């Protein structure tokens, strides 16, 4: 993690690279009007990602909450997260 304001770079162990969830902003839903209740999709967390199952919902603040079925390595703020249902793009946002 880089904290430019404090001029600090934080490092971690290999185990610290794995996340069980993420939050995303600037959400764009294409297939559904809303996702108030959790629904399972295949979720990609970067361009070359093959995608993995995750439970996804939009919270009361309009943020996308993604809870991975299996922990994912190197979830990176600023990258795109995209949800798929089969070959169809459901929507996505920017990882916080």
PDB file of N, CA and C in Angstrom:
ATOM      1  N   UNK A   1       0.843  -1.182   0.000  1.00  0.00           N
ATOM      2  CA  UNK A   1       0.000   0.000   0.000  1.00  0.00           C
ATOM      3  C   UNK A   1       0.880   1.234   0.000  1.00  0.00           C
ATOM      4  N   UNK A   2       0.551   2.224  -0.818  1.00  0.00           N
ATOM      5  CA  UNK A   2       1.303   3.474  -0.869  1.00  0.00           C
ATOM      6  C   UNK A   2       0.453   4.584  -0.267  1.00  0.00           C
ATOM      7  N   UNK A   3       0.997   5.266   0.731  1.00  0.00           N
ATOM      8  CA  UNK A   3       0.350   6.434   1.321  1.00  0.00           C
ATOM      9  C   UNK A   3       1.208   7.635   0.954  1.00  0.00           C
ATOM     10  N   UNK A   4       0.882   8.271  -0.170  1.00  0.00           N
ATOM     11  CA  UNK A   4       1.680   9.387  -0.679  1.00  0.00           C
ATOM     12  C   UNK A   4       1.645  10.584   0.262  1.00  0.00           C
ATOM     13  N   UNK A   5       0.516  10.807   0.940  1.00  0.00           N
ATOM     14  CA  UNK A   5       0.400  11.950   1.849  1.00  0.00           C
ATOM     15  C   UNK A   5       1.407  11.872   2.987  1.00  0.00           C
ATOM     16  N   UNK A   6       1.646  10.665   3.492  1.00  0.00           N
ATOM     17  CA  UNK A   6       2.584  10.482   4.603  1.00  0.00           C
ATOM     18  C   UNK A   6       3.957   9.995   4.136  1.00  0.00           C
ATOM     19  N   UNK A   7       4.119   9.836   2.806  1.00  0.00           N
ATOM     20  CA  UNK A   7       5.376   9.351   2.238  1.00  0.00           C
ATOM     21  C   UNK A   7       5.761   7.983   2.812  1.00  0.00           C
ATOM     22  N   UNK A   8       4.775   7.067   2.847  1.00  0.00           N
ATOM     23  CA  UNK A   8       4.969   5.733   3.420  1.00  0.00           C
ATOM     24  C   UNK A   8       4.600   4.669   2.393  1.00  0.00           C
ATOM     25  N   UNK A   9       5.427   3.640   2.298  1.00  0.00           N
ATOM     26  CA  UNK A   9       5.108   2.450   1.516  1.00  0.00           C
ATOM     27  C   UNK A   9       5.031   1.288   2.494  1.00  0.00           C
ATOM     28  N   UNK A  10       3.888   0.594   2.517  1.00  0.00           N
ATOM     29  CA  UNK A  10       3.702  -0.557   3.396  1.00  0.00           C
ATOM     30  C   UNK A  10       3.903  -1.839   2.598  1.00  0.00           C
ATOM     31  N   UNK A  11       4.612  -2.799   3.192  1.00  0.00           N
ATOM     32  CA  UNK A  11       4.812  -4.102   2.563  1.00  0.00           C
ATOM     33  C   UNK A  11       4.167  -5.165   3.441  1.00  0.00           C
ATOM     34  N   UNK A  12       3.991  -6.358   2.877  1.00  0.00           N
ATOM     35  CA  UNK A  12       3.330  -7.429   3.609  1.00  0.00           C
ATOM     36  C   UNK A  12       3.966  -8.763   3.236  1.00  0.00           C
ATOM     37  N   UNK A  13       3.510  -9.801   3.906  1.00  0.00           N
ATOM     38  CA  UNK A  13       3.932 -11.161   3.571  1.00  0.00           C
ATOM     39  C   UNK A  13       3.053 -11.680   2.439  1.00  0.00           C
ATOM     40  N   UNK A  14       3.359 -12.846   1.900  1.00  0.00           N
ATOM     41  CA  UNK A  14       2.557 -13.445   0.832  1.00  0.00           C
ATOM     42  C   UNK A  14       1.101 -13.619   1.284  1.00  0.00           C
ATOM     43  N   UNK A  15       0.881 -14.057   2.529  1.00  0.00           N
ATOM     44  CA  UNK A  15      -0.482 -14.229   3.036  1.00  0.00           C
ATOM     45  C   UNK A  15      -1.251 -12.909   3.044  1.00  0.00           C
ATOM     46  N   UNK A  16      -0.554 -11.810   3.246  1.00  0.00           N
ATOM     47  CA  UNK A  16      -1.190 -10.498   3.278  1.00  0.00           C
ATOM     48  C   UNK A  16      -1.682 -10.022   1.931  1.00  0.00           C
ATOM     49  N   UNK A  17      -1.288 -10.698   0.863  1.00  0.00           N
ATOM     50  CA  UNK A  17      -1.720 -10.321  -0.481  1.00  0.00           C
ATOM     51  C   UNK A  17      -3.112 -10.839  -0.829  1.00  0.00           C
ATOM     52  N   UNK A  18      -3.669 -11.718   0.011  1.00  0.00           N
ATOM     53  CA  UNK A  18      -4.963 -12.338  -0.288  1.00  0.00           C
ATOM     54  C   UNK A  18      -6.097 -11.606   0.418  1.00  0.00           C
ATOM     55  N   UNK A  19      -7.184 -11.386  -0.318  1.00  0.00           N
ATOM     56  CA  UNK A  19      -8.360 -10.681   0.205  1.00  0.00           C
ATOM     57  C   UNK A  19      -9.600 -11.533   0.032  1.00  0.00           C
ATOM     58  N   UNK A  20     -10.513 -11.416   0.996  1.00  0.00           N
ATOM     59  CA  UNK A  20     -11.771 -12.150   0.877  1.00  0.00           C
ATOM     60  C   UNK A  20     -12.900 -11.268   0.352  1.00  0.00           C
ATOM     61  N   UNK A  21     -12.628  -9.959   0.179  1.00  0.00           N
ATOM     62  CA  UNK A  21     -13.663  -9.060  -0.321  1.00  0.00           C
ATOM     63  C   UNK A  21     -13.031  -7.789  -0.874  1.00  0.00           C
ATOM     64  N   UNK A  22     -13.868  -6.987  -1.533  1.00  0.00           N
ATOM     65  CA  UNK A  22     -13.444  -5.665  -1.998  1.00  0.00           C
ATOM     66  C   UNK A  22     -14.654  -4.757  -2.059  1.00  0.00           C
ATOM     67  N   UNK A  23     -14.370  -3.468  -2.103  1.00  0.00           N
ATOM     68  CA  UNK A  23     -15.387  -2.441  -2.290  1.00  0.00           C
ATOM     69  C   UNK A  23     -15.006  -1.658  -3.535  1.00  0.00           C
ATOM     70  N   UNK A  24     -16.003  -1.319  -4.352  1.00  0.00           N
ATOM     71  CA  UNK A  24     -15.732  -0.566  -5.582  1.00  0.00           C
ATOM     72  C   UNK A  24     -16.656   0.643  -5.669  1.00  0.00           C
ATOM     73  N   UNK A  25     -16.154   1.681  -6.334  1.00  0.00           N
ATOM     74  CA  UNK A  25     -16.915   2.916  -6.551  1.00  0.00           C
ATOM     75  C   UNK A  25     -17.176   3.091  -8.041  1.00  0.00           C
ATOM     76  N   UNK A  26     -17.852   4.170  -8.385  1.00  0.00           N
ATOM     77  CA  UNK A  26     -18.150   4.490  -9.789  1.00  0.00           C
ATOM     78  C   UNK A  26     -18.785   3.296 -10.504  1.00  0.00           C
ATOM     79  N   UNK A  27     -19.829   2.767  -9.901  1.00  0.00           N
ATOM     80  CA  UNK A  27     -20.487   1.544 -10.380  1.00  0.00           C
ATOM     81  C   UNK A  27     -21.292   1.815 -11.645  1.00  0.00           C
ATOM     82  N   UNK A  28     -21.215   0.862 -12.569  1.00  0.00           N
ATOM     83  CA  UNK A  28     -22.004   0.911 -13.790  1.00  0.00           C
ATOM     84  C   UNK A  28     -22.666  -0.453 -13.960  1.00  0.00           C
ATOM     85  N   UNK A  29     -23.983  -0.514 -13.734  1.00  0.00           N
ATOM     86  CA  UNK A  29     -24.731  -1.755 -13.927  1.00  0.00           C
ATOM     87  C   UNK A  29     -25.335  -1.755 -15.325  1.00  0.00           C
ATOM     88  N   UNK A  30     -25.156  -2.858 -16.041  1.00  0.00           N
ATOM     89  CA  UNK A  30     -25.666  -2.957 -17.405  1.00  0.00           C
ATOM     90  C   UNK A  30     -26.867  -3.880 -17.529  1.00  0.00           C
ATOM     91  N   UNK A  31     -26.888  -4.943 -16.735  1.00  0.00           N
ATOM     92  CA  UNK A  31     -27.923  -5.967 -16.908  1.00  0.00           C
ATOM     93  C   UNK A  31     -29.076  -5.812 -15.921  1.00  0.00           C
ATOM     94  N   UNK A  32     -28.808  -5.322 -14.726  1.00  0.00           N
ATOM     95  CA  UNK A  32     -29.830  -5.198 -13.677  1.00  0.00           C
ATOM     96  C   UNK A  32     -29.955  -3.740 -13.273  1.00  0.00           C
ATOM     97  N   UNK A  33     -31.144  -3.370 -12.809  1.00  0.00           N
ATOM     98  CA  UNK A  33     -31.353  -2.004 -12.323  1.00  0.00           C
ATOM     99  C   UNK A  33     -30.668  -1.782 -10.980  1.00  0.00           C
ATOM    100  N   UNK A  34     -30.636  -2.831 -10.159  1.00  0.00           N
ATOM    101  CA  UNK A  34     -29.979  -2.725  -8.859  1.00  0.00           C
ATOM    102  C   UNK A  34     -29.551  -4.110  -8.392  1.00  0.00           C
ATOM    103  N   UNK A  35     -28.749  -4.141  -7.371  1.00  0.00           N
ATOM    104  CA  UNK A  35     -28.310  -5.398  -6.755  1.00  0.00           C
ATOM    105  C   UNK A  35     -28.408  -5.225  -5.239  1.00  0.00           C
ATOM    106  N   UNK A  36     -29.620  -5.015  -4.747  1.00  0.00           N
ATOM    107  CA  UNK A  36     -29.814  -4.804  -3.314  1.00  0.00           C
ATOM    108  C   UNK A  36     -29.538  -6.068  -2.514  1.00  0.00           C
ATOM    109  N   UNK A  37     -29.828  -7.223  -3.098  1.00  0.00           N
ATOM    110  CA  UNK A  37     -29.533  -8.488  -2.424  1.00  0.00           C
ATOM    111  C   UNK A  37     -28.368  -9.155  -3.142  1.00  0.00           C
ATOM    112  N   UNK A  38     -27.569  -9.892  -2.383  1.00  0.00           N
ATOM    113  CA  UNK A  38     -26.378 -10.534  -2.951  1.00  0.00           C
ATOM    114  C   UNK A  38     -26.752 -11.533  -4.033  1.00  0.00           C
ATOM    115  N   UNK A  39     -25.966 -11.535  -5.083  1.00  0.00           N
ATOM    116  CA  UNK A  39     -26.149 -12.462  -6.191  1.00  0.00           C
ATOM    117  C   UNK A  39     -24.764 -12.934  -6.615  1.00  0.00           C
ATOM    118  N   UNK A  40     -24.655 -14.210  -7.014  1.00  0.00           N
ATOM    119  CA  UNK A  40     -23.363 -14.762  -7.407  1.00  0.00           C
ATOM    120  C   UNK A  40     -23.074 -14.496  -8.875  1.00  0.00           C
ATOM    121  N   UNK A  41     -21.856 -14.004  -9.139  1.00  0.00           N
ATOM    122  CA  UNK A  41     -21.369 -13.759 -10.483  1.00  0.00           C
ATOM    123  C   UNK A  41     -19.926 -14.247 -10.575  1.00  0.00           C
ATOM    124  N   UNK A  42     -19.433 -14.352 -11.789  1.00  0.00           N
ATOM    125  CA  UNK A  42     -17.994 -14.523 -12.005  1.00  0.00           C
ATOM    126  C   UNK A  42     -17.412 -13.110 -12.018  1.00  0.00           C
ATOM    127  N   UNK A  43     -16.369 -12.903 -11.215  1.00  0.00           N
ATOM    128  CA  UNK A  43     -15.812 -11.562 -11.047  1.00  0.00           C
ATOM    129  C   UNK A  43     -14.345 -11.551 -11.470  1.00  0.00           C
ATOM    130  N   UNK A  44     -14.019 -10.589 -12.327  1.00  0.00           N
ATOM    131  CA  UNK A  44     -12.633 -10.376 -12.734  1.00  0.00           C
ATOM    132  C   UNK A  44     -12.123  -9.117 -12.038  1.00  0.00           C
ATOM    133  N   UNK A  45     -10.879  -9.199 -11.514  1.00  0.00           N
ATOM    134  CA  UNK A  45     -10.329  -8.064 -10.769  1.00  0.00           C
ATOM    135  C   UNK A  45      -9.198  -7.355 -11.513  1.00  0.00           C
ATOM    136  N   UNK A  46      -8.948  -7.754 -12.728  1.00  0.00           N
ATOM    137  CA  UNK A  46      -7.982  -7.066 -13.594  1.00  0.00           C
ATOM    138  C   UNK A  46      -8.190  -7.575 -15.016  1.00  0.00           C
ATOM    139  N   UNK A  47      -7.563  -6.937 -15.963  1.00  0.00           N
ATOM    140  CA  UNK A  47      -7.788  -7.222 -17.378  1.00  0.00           C
ATOM    141  C   UNK A  47      -7.542  -8.688 -17.729  1.00  0.00           C
ATOM    142  N   UNK A  48      -6.414  -9.252 -17.335  1.00  0.00           N
ATOM    143  CA  UNK A  48      -6.065 -10.624 -17.708  1.00  0.00           C
ATOM    144  C   UNK A  48      -6.627 -11.692 -16.782  1.00  0.00           C
ATOM    145  N   UNK A  49      -7.408 -11.310 -15.794  1.00  0.00           N
ATOM    146  CA  UNK A  49      -7.961 -12.256 -14.830  1.00  0.00           C
ATOM    147  C   UNK A  49      -8.955 -13.191 -15.519  1.00  0.00           C
ATOM    148  N   UNK A  50      -8.923 -14.476 -15.148  1.00  0.00           N
ATOM    149  CA  UNK A  50      -9.876 -15.448 -15.697  1.00  0.00           C
ATOM    150  C   UNK A  50     -11.221 -15.366 -14.989  1.00  0.00           C
ATOM    151  N   UNK A  51     -11.253 -14.769 -13.800  1.00  0.00           N
ATOM    152  CA  UNK A  51     -12.489 -14.610 -13.041  1.00  0.00           C
ATOM    153  C   UNK A  51     -12.749 -15.762 -12.105  1.00  0.00           C
ATOM    154  N   UNK A  52     -13.393 -15.451 -10.993  1.00  0.00           N
ATOM    155  CA  UNK A  52     -13.760 -16.436  -9.969  1.00  0.00           C
ATOM    156  C   UNK A  52     -15.130 -16.053  -9.413  1.00  0.00           C
ATOM    157  N   UNK A  53     -15.867 -17.032  -8.854  1.00  0.00           N
ATOM    158  CA  UNK A  53     -17.180 -16.739  -8.291  1.00  0.00           C
ATOM    159  C   UNK A  53     -17.090 -15.842  -7.059  1.00  0.00           C
ATOM    160  N   UNK A  54     -18.076 -14.959  -6.945  1.00  0.00           N
ATOM    161  CA  UNK A  54     -18.169 -14.073  -5.791  1.00  0.00           C
ATOM    162  C   UNK A  54     -19.620 -13.643  -5.618  1.00  0.00           C
ATOM    163  N   UNK A  55     -19.969 -13.309  -4.388  1.00  0.00           N
ATOM    164  CA  UNK A  55     -21.284 -12.756  -4.085  1.00  0.00           C
ATOM    165  C   UNK A  55     -21.174 -11.237  -4.168  1.00  0.00           C
ATOM    166  N   UNK A  56     -22.095 -10.599  -4.897  1.00  0.00           N
ATOM    167  CA  UNK A  56     -22.009  -9.165  -5.155  1.00  0.00           C
ATOM    168  C   UNK A  56     -23.320  -8.483  -4.807  1.00  0.00           C
ATOM    169  N   UNK A  57     -23.193  -7.263  -4.280  1.00  0.00           N
ATOM    170  CA  UNK A  57     -24.370  -6.448  -3.989  1.00  0.00           C
ATOM    171  C   UNK A  57     -23.969  -4.978  -3.953  1.00  0.00           C
ATOM    172  N   UNK A  58     -24.949  -4.102  -4.090  1.00  0.00           N
ATOM    173  CA  UNK A  58     -24.737  -2.667  -3.951  1.00  0.00           C
ATOM    174  C   UNK A  58     -25.225  -2.279  -2.555  1.00  0.00           C
ATOM    175  N   UNK A  59     -24.377  -1.585  -1.774  1.00  0.00           N
ATOM    176  CA  UNK A  59     -24.772  -1.203  -0.420  1.00  0.00           C
ATOM    177  C   UNK A  59     -25.580   0.097  -0.429  1.00  0.00           C
ATOM    178  N   UNK A  60     -25.976   0.550   0.750  1.00  0.00           N
ATOM    179  CA  UNK A  60     -26.809   1.753   0.867  1.00  0.00           C
ATOM    180  C   UNK A  60     -26.101   3.023   0.410  1.00  0.00           C
ATOM    181  N   UNK A  61     -24.767   2.990   0.326  1.00  0.00           N
ATOM    182  CA  UNK A  61     -23.989   4.144  -0.121  1.00  0.00           C
ATOM    183  C   UNK A  61     -23.670   4.099  -1.609  1.00  0.00           C
ATOM    184  N   UNK A  62     -24.233   3.111  -2.318  1.00  0.00           N
ATOM    185  CA  UNK A  62     -24.009   2.996  -3.753  1.00  0.00           C
ATOM    186  C   UNK A  62     -22.680   2.360  -4.119  1.00  0.00           C
ATOM    187  N   UNK A  63     -22.033   1.704  -3.161  1.00  0.00           N
ATOM    188  CA  UNK A  63     -20.763   1.018  -3.415  1.00  0.00           C
ATOM    189  C   UNK A  63     -21.036  -0.444  -3.739  1.00  0.00           C
ATOM    190  N   UNK A  64     -20.212  -1.014  -4.603  1.00  0.00           N
ATOM    191  CA  UNK A  64     -20.291  -2.432  -4.923  1.00  0.00           C
ATOM    192  C   UNK A  64     -19.491  -3.201  -3.879  1.00  0.00           C
ATOM    193  N   UNK A  65     -20.131  -4.149  -3.223  1.00  0.00           N
ATOM    194  CA  UNK A  65     -19.481  -5.015  -2.250  1.00  0.00           C
ATOM    195  C   UNK A  65     -19.336  -6.390  -2.903  1.00  0.00           C
ATOM    196  N   UNK A  66     -18.098  -6.867  -2.999  1.00  0.00           N
ATOM    197  CA  UNK A  66     -17.801  -8.169  -3.605  1.00  0.00           C
ATOM    198  C   UNK A  66     -17.178  -9.049  -2.526  1.00  0.00           C
ATOM    199  N   UNK A  67     -17.816 -10.198  -2.253  1.00  0.00           N
ATOM    200  CA  UNK A  67     -17.298 -11.159  -1.278  1.00  0.00           C
ATOM    201  C   UNK A  67     -16.925 -12.425  -2.041  1.00  0.00           C
ATOM    202  N   UNK A  68     -15.628 -12.691  -2.107  1.00  0.00           N
ATOM    203  CA  UNK A  68     -15.127 -13.817  -2.882  1.00  0.00           C
ATOM    204  C   UNK A  68     -15.437 -15.151  -2.206  1.00  0.00           C
ATOM    205  N   UNK A  69     -15.767 -16.161  -3.003  1.00  0.00           N
ATOM    206  CA  UNK A  69     -15.980 -17.512  -2.490  1.00  0.00           C
ATOM    207  C   UNK A  69     -14.638 -18.058  -1.993  1.00  0.00           C
ATOM    208  N   UNK A  70     -13.564 -17.823  -2.749  1.00  0.00           N
ATOM    209  CA  UNK A  70     -12.195 -18.161  -2.352  1.00  0.00           C
ATOM    210  C   UNK A  70     -11.391 -16.862  -2.377  1.00  0.00           C
ATOM    211  N   UNK A  71     -10.490 -16.686  -1.410  1.00  0.00           N
ATOM    212  CA  UNK A  71      -9.686 -15.471  -1.358  1.00  0.00           C
ATOM    213  C   UNK A  71      -8.956 -15.247  -2.677  1.00  0.00           C
ATOM    214  N   UNK A  72      -8.817 -13.966  -3.032  1.00  0.00           N
ATOM    215  CA  UNK A  72      -8.142 -13.580  -4.277  1.00  0.00           C
ATOM    216  C   UNK A  72      -6.841 -12.861  -3.966  1.00  0.00           C
ATOM    217  N   UNK A  73      -5.841 -13.085  -4.798  1.00  0.00           N
ATOM    218  CA  UNK A  73      -4.519 -12.488  -4.608  1.00  0.00           C
ATOM    219  C   UNK A  73      -4.424 -11.125  -5.296  1.00  0.00           C
ATOM    220  N   UNK A  74      -3.841 -10.185  -4.587  1.00  0.00           N
ATOM    221  CA  UNK A  74      -3.479  -8.868  -5.125  1.00  0.00           C
ATOM    222  C   UNK A  74      -4.664  -8.070  -5.667  1.00  0.00           C
ATOM    223  N   UNK A  75      -5.704  -7.934  -4.845  1.00  0.00           N
ATOM    224  CA  UNK A  75      -6.800  -7.030  -5.185  1.00  0.00           C
ATOM    225  C   UNK A  75      -6.219  -5.619  -5.090  1.00  0.00           C
ATOM    226  N   UNK A  76      -6.260  -4.864  -6.194  1.00  0.00           N
ATOM    227  CA  UNK A  76      -5.511  -3.614  -6.287  1.00  0.00           C
ATOM    228  C   UNK A  76      -6.416  -2.399  -6.495  1.00  0.00           C
ATOM    229  N   UNK A  77      -6.358  -1.434  -5.558  1.00  0.00           N
ATOM    230  CA  UNK A  77      -7.129  -0.196  -5.747  1.00  0.00           C
ATOM    231  C   UNK A  77      -6.782   0.473  -7.071  1.00  0.00           C
ATOM    232  N   UNK A  78      -7.815   1.003  -7.727  1.00  0.00           N
ATOM    233  CA  UNK A  78      -7.631   1.673  -9.011  1.00  0.00           C
ATOM    234  C   UNK A  78      -7.868   0.770 -10.205  1.00  0.00           C
ATOM    235  N   UNK A  79      -7.799  -0.547 -10.004  1.00  0.00           N
ATOM    236  CA  UNK A  79      -8.089  -1.496 -11.080  1.00  0.00           C
ATOM    237  C   UNK A  79      -9.610  -1.618 -11.246  1.00  0.00           C
ATOM    238  N   UNK A  80     -10.028  -2.074 -12.399  1.00  0.00           N
ATOM    239  CA  UNK A  80     -11.449  -2.331 -12.632  1.00  0.00           C
ATOM    240  C   UNK A  80     -11.846  -3.684 -12.075  1.00  0.00           C
ATOM    241  N   UNK A  81     -13.060  -3.769 -11.569  1.00  0.00           N
ATOM    242  CA  UNK A  81     -13.678  -5.038 -11.209  1.00  0.00           C
ATOM    243  C   UNK A  81     -14.897  -5.174 -12.115  1.00  0.00           C
ATOM    244  N   UNK A  82     -15.053  -6.354 -12.732  1.00  0.00           N
ATOM    245  CA  UNK A  82     -16.147  -6.568 -13.678  1.00  0.00           C
ATOM    246  C   UNK A  82     -16.860  -7.863 -13.323  1.00  0.00           C
ATOM    247  N   UNK A  83     -18.205  -7.817 -13.307  1.00  0.00           N
ATOM    248  CA  UNK A  83     -19.038  -8.980 -12.990  1.00  0.00           C
ATOM    249  C   UNK A  83     -19.613  -9.542 -14.284  1.00  0.00           C
ATOM    250  N   UNK A  84     -19.601 -10.874 -14.372  1.00  0.00           N
ATOM    251  CA  UNK A  84     -20.123 -11.567 -15.550  1.00  0.00           C
ATOM    252  C   UNK A  84     -21.171 -12.593 -15.150  1.00  0.00           C
ATOM    253  N   UNK A  85     -22.147 -12.763 -16.013  1.00  0.00           N
ATOM    254  CA  UNK A  85     -23.128 -13.834 -15.910  1.00  0.00           C
ATOM    255  C   UNK A  85     -23.040 -14.572 -17.237  1.00  0.00           C
ATOM    256  N   UNK A  86     -22.331 -15.708 -17.223  1.00  0.00           N
ATOM    257  CA  UNK A  86     -22.011 -16.363 -18.485  1.00  0.00           C
ATOM    258  C   UNK A  86     -21.080 -15.468 -19.271  1.00  0.00           C
ATOM    259  N   UNK A  87     -21.405 -15.190 -20.520  1.00  0.00           N
ATOM    260  CA  UNK A  87     -20.599 -14.300 -21.355  1.00  0.00           C
ATOM    261  C   UNK A  87     -21.051 -12.862 -21.275  1.00  0.00           C
ATOM    262  N   UNK A  88     -22.119 -12.585 -20.548  1.00  0.00           N
ATOM    263  CA  UNK A  88     -22.678 -11.232 -20.470  1.00  0.00           C
ATOM    264  C   UNK A  88     -22.031 -10.441 -19.338  1.00  0.00           C
ATOM    265  N   UNK A  89     -21.677  -9.186 -19.640  1.00  0.00           N
ATOM    266  CA  UNK A  89     -21.185  -8.282 -18.612  1.00  0.00           C
ATOM    267  C   UNK A  89     -22.382  -7.746 -17.842  1.00  0.00           C
ATOM    268  N   UNK A  90     -22.352  -7.936 -16.527  1.00  0.00           N
ATOM    269  CA  UNK A  90     -23.412  -7.430 -15.649  1.00  0.00           C
ATOM    270  C   UNK A  90     -23.137  -6.001 -15.259  1.00  0.00           C
ATOM    271  N   UNK A  91     -21.873  -5.685 -15.004  1.00  0.00           N
ATOM    272  CA  UNK A  91     -21.486  -4.347 -14.592  1.00  0.00           C
ATOM    273  C   UNK A  91     -20.118  -4.374 -13.935  1.00  0.00           C
ATOM    274  N   UNK A  92     -19.742  -3.239 -13.381  1.00  0.00           N
ATOM    275  CA  UNK A  92     -18.454  -3.169 -12.729  1.00  0.00           C
ATOM    276  C   UNK A  92     -18.220  -1.811 -12.105  1.00  0.00           C
ATOM    277  N   UNK A  93     -16.983  -1.614 -11.657  1.00  0.00           N
ATOM    278  CA  UNK A  93     -16.596  -0.364 -11.020  1.00  0.00           C
ATOM    279  C   UNK A  93     -15.093  -0.323 -10.837  1.00  0.00           C
ATOM    280  N   UNK A  94     -14.656   0.643 -10.031  1.00  0.00           N
ATOM    281  CA  UNK A  94     -13.243   0.856  -9.747  1.00  0.00           C
ATOM    282  C   UNK A  94     -12.963   0.417  -8.303  1.00  0.00           C
ATOM    283  N   UNK A  95     -12.002  -0.477  -8.129  1.00  0.00           N
ATOM    284  CA  UNK A  95     -11.662  -0.994  -6.797  1.00  0.00           C
ATOM    285  C   UNK A  95     -11.114   0.121  -5.934  1.00  0.00           C
ATOM    286  N   UNK A  96     -11.656   0.219  -4.718  1.00  0.00           N
ATOM    287  CA  UNK A  96     -11.152   1.211  -3.745  1.00  0.00           C
ATOM    288  C   UNK A  96     -10.058   0.620  -2.905  1.00  0.00           C
TER     289      UNK A  96
END
